Amino acid sequence: MTPDIFPIAPILEKTGWGAVAFGGFCLVMTLFFVGAMGFAWTTVRSLRHAEFRLEDDGLHVRCFPFSRVYPYAALELSEALVTDFTAHPQFKPTLRTAGTALGSLRGGWHRLRNGNKAMLYLTRGEALVILPTSLGHTLMISPQDPHRFLDRLRQRAGVPAPAAA
């Protein structure tokens, strides 16, 4: 006796479009993921090569996508300090709002433990420069030589160094 063979029913037209829509969704999500990974890679690479330049018009921070110029008048240099998160835990970043945080590498907008907004360009949690601004946020950076950087910044801005305690 020969076997009875029953082929599968044909695909309904709307079911076929569902498969196409699902394939399109997967393609869009893949492109989004690849784009997001490319942006993250570019941001991390840029943070590792950030540059802080003291120009005539102010402090120039070069770091994709958070580059900007801080006029010397906007920096509250009398309150600036070189410190770490152990000595001043109120400056520790707690919430990343628009930026990157991978280990000690932190860049972009963050909220601090004290509730203030901060723009971070950090590669470590010690020997960092904290620069309050009149722009509604704190600037926190990790230059290679933080004490020399802060001294030169004050000189360029015409602000005397605070008296030693």
Protein backbone atom coordinates (compact mmCIF):
# COMPACT_ATOMS: atom_id res chain seq x y z
CA MET A 1 0.00 0.00 0.00
CA THR A 2 1.33 3.45 -0.88
CA PRO A 3 1.68 6.13 1.81
CA ASP A 4 -0.83 8.94 2.05
CA ILE A 5 1.00 12.25 1.59
CA PHE A 6 -0.49 15.53 2.75
CA PRO A 7 1.49 18.62 1.80
CA ILE A 8 1.45 21.68 4.01
CA ALA A 9 -1.25 24.23 3.32
CA PRO A 10 -0.14 27.23 1.26
CA ILE A 11 0.90 30.40 3.07
CA LEU A 12 -1.84 32.95 3.32
CA GLU A 13 -0.91 36.27 1.79
CA LYS A 14 -1.07 38.21 5.07
CA THR A 15 1.12 35.61 6.79
CA GLY A 16 3.77 36.14 4.12
CA TRP A 17 3.77 39.86 4.80
CA GLY A 18 4.17 39.13 8.50
CA ALA A 19 7.37 37.23 7.74
CA VAL A 20 8.59 40.13 5.60
CA ALA A 21 7.74 42.59 8.40
CA PHE A 22 9.58 40.43 10.94
CA GLY A 23 12.61 40.25 8.64
CA GLY A 24 12.52 44.02 8.23
CA PHE A 25 12.28 44.47 11.99
CA CYS A 26 15.31 42.20 12.48
CA LEU A 27 17.24 44.16 9.86
CA VAL A 28 16.40 47.50 11.50
CA MET A 29 17.38 46.18 14.95
CA THR A 30 20.66 44.82 13.56
CA LEU A 31 21.48 48.16 11.94
CA PHE A 32 20.58 49.98 15.17
CA PHE A 33 22.79 47.64 17.21
CA VAL A 34 25.72 48.03 14.80
CA GLY A 35 25.27 51.82 14.82
CA ALA A 36 25.08 51.94 18.62
CA MET A 37 28.20 49.80 18.94
CA GLY A 38 30.03 52.02 16.45
CA PHE A 39 29.01 55.14 18.37
CA ALA A 40 30.09 53.56 21.69
CA TRP A 41 33.44 52.47 20.22
CA THR A 42 34.05 55.96 18.78
CA THR A 43 33.13 57.61 22.08
CA VAL A 44 35.40 55.34 24.16
CA ARG A 45 38.26 55.78 21.68
CA SER A 46 37.77 59.54 21.76
CA LEU A 47 37.71 59.62 25.57
CA ARG A 48 41.03 57.80 25.68
CA HIS A 49 42.50 60.57 23.49
CA ALA A 50 40.72 63.60 24.95
CA GLU A 51 42.66 66.83 25.04
CA PHE A 52 42.44 69.85 27.33
CA ARG A 53 43.85 73.00 25.71
CA LEU A 54 44.34 76.33 27.41
CA GLU A 55 43.76 78.92 24.71
CA ASP A 56 43.38 82.71 24.90
CA ASP A 57 39.57 82.50 24.99
CA GLY A 58 39.28 79.67 27.52
CA LEU A 59 39.60 75.96 28.19
CA HIS A 60 39.03 73.91 25.04
CA VAL A 61 37.96 70.32 25.63
CA ARG A 62 38.32 68.10 22.57
CA CYS A 63 36.51 64.81 22.86
CA PHE A 64 33.81 63.43 20.53
CA PRO A 65 30.87 63.96 20.98
CA PHE A 66 31.25 66.21 24.03
CA SER A 67 33.73 68.83 22.78
CA ARG A 68 33.21 72.38 23.96
CA VAL A 69 34.89 75.61 25.01
CA TYR A 70 34.69 76.87 28.60
CA PRO A 71 35.42 80.61 28.78
CA TYR A 72 37.67 81.41 31.73
CA ALA A 73 34.91 83.63 33.16
CA ALA A 74 32.59 80.60 33.35
CA LEU A 75 35.04 78.60 35.49
CA GLU A 76 34.82 79.22 39.23
CA LEU A 77 38.55 78.71 39.73
CA SER A 78 38.56 79.85 43.37
CA GLU A 79 36.61 76.65 44.16
CA ALA A 80 38.57 74.34 41.82
CA LEU A 81 40.54 71.50 43.36
CA VAL A 82 42.58 68.39 42.65
CA THR A 83 41.18 65.48 44.60
CA ASP A 84 39.79 61.94 44.44
CA PHE A 85 36.50 60.25 45.19
CA THR A 86 37.72 58.93 48.54
CA ALA A 87 38.48 62.41 49.91
CA HIS A 88 35.37 64.00 48.37
CA PRO A 89 32.69 61.31 47.90
CA GLN A 90 30.04 63.95 47.15
CA PHE A 91 31.61 64.30 43.68
CA LYS A 92 31.34 60.60 42.85
CA PRO A 93 29.21 60.00 39.72
CA THR A 94 26.08 57.99 40.51
CA LEU A 95 23.89 58.25 37.40
CA ARG A 96 24.93 58.41 33.77
CA THR A 97 22.44 60.59 31.90
CA ALA A 98 24.15 60.93 28.50
CA GLY A 99 27.59 59.44 28.30
CA THR A 100 29.86 56.46 28.75
CA ALA A 101 30.97 54.58 31.85
CA LEU A 102 33.31 51.62 31.49
CA GLY A 103 35.27 50.97 34.66
CA SER A 104 37.24 54.09 35.51
CA LEU A 105 36.65 55.54 32.03
CA ARG A 106 33.72 57.97 32.28
CA GLY A 107 32.65 60.62 29.83
CA GLY A 108 29.63 62.79 29.17
CA TRP A 109 26.81 63.95 31.40
CA HIS A 110 26.40 62.36 34.83
CA ARG A 111 24.65 63.11 38.11
CA LEU A 112 26.86 63.27 41.18
CA ARG A 113 26.20 61.93 44.65
CA ASN A 114 25.47 65.50 45.80
CA GLY A 115 22.72 65.75 43.15
CA ASN A 116 24.54 68.19 40.85
CA LYS A 117 25.04 67.73 37.11
CA ALA A 118 28.56 67.18 35.85
CA MET A 119 30.38 66.86 32.55
CA LEU A 120 33.03 64.18 32.96
CA TYR A 121 36.23 63.43 31.05
CA LEU A 122 37.74 60.89 33.47
CA THR A 123 40.15 58.00 33.06
CA ARG A 124 40.62 57.39 36.78
CA GLY A 125 39.03 58.13 40.14
CA GLU A 126 42.04 59.78 41.76
CA ALA A 127 44.08 62.90 40.94
CA LEU A 128 41.19 64.47 39.08
CA VAL A 129 40.45 68.16 38.65
CA ILE A 130 37.04 69.40 39.77
CA LEU A 131 36.04 72.70 38.17
CA PRO A 132 32.73 74.23 39.27
CA THR A 133 31.22 76.43 36.56
CA SER A 134 28.63 79.19 36.36
CA LEU A 135 26.94 77.16 33.61
CA GLY A 136 24.87 75.00 35.97
CA HIS A 137 27.21 72.03 36.09
CA THR A 138 30.61 70.89 37.35
CA LEU A 139 33.43 69.98 34.97
CA MET A 140 35.53 66.99 36.09
CA ILE A 141 38.65 66.02 34.13
CA SER A 142 41.70 63.76 34.39
CA PRO A 143 44.68 65.58 32.87
CA GLN A 144 48.04 63.79 33.03
CA ASP A 145 49.49 66.34 35.45
CA PRO A 146 46.47 67.70 37.38
CA HIS A 147 48.35 70.08 39.72
CA ARG A 148 50.34 71.67 36.90
CA PHE A 149 47.16 71.86 34.77
CA LEU A 150 45.23 73.69 37.51
CA ASP A 151 48.15 76.07 38.16
CA ARG A 152 48.44 76.93 34.44
CA LEU A 153 44.65 77.27 34.14
CA ARG A 154 44.62 79.80 36.98
CA GLN A 155 47.56 81.68 35.42
CA ARG A 156 45.88 81.85 32.00
CA ALA A 157 42.62 83.03 33.59
CA GLY A 158 44.41 85.60 35.76
CA VAL A 159 43.14 84.04 39.00
CA PRO A 160 45.60 83.78 41.91
CA ALA A 161 46.12 80.38 43.49
CA PRO A 162 44.40 80.04 46.87
CA ALA A 163 46.59 80.57 49.95
CA ALA A 164 47.95 77.32 51.43
CA ALA A 165 46.23 76.35 54.68
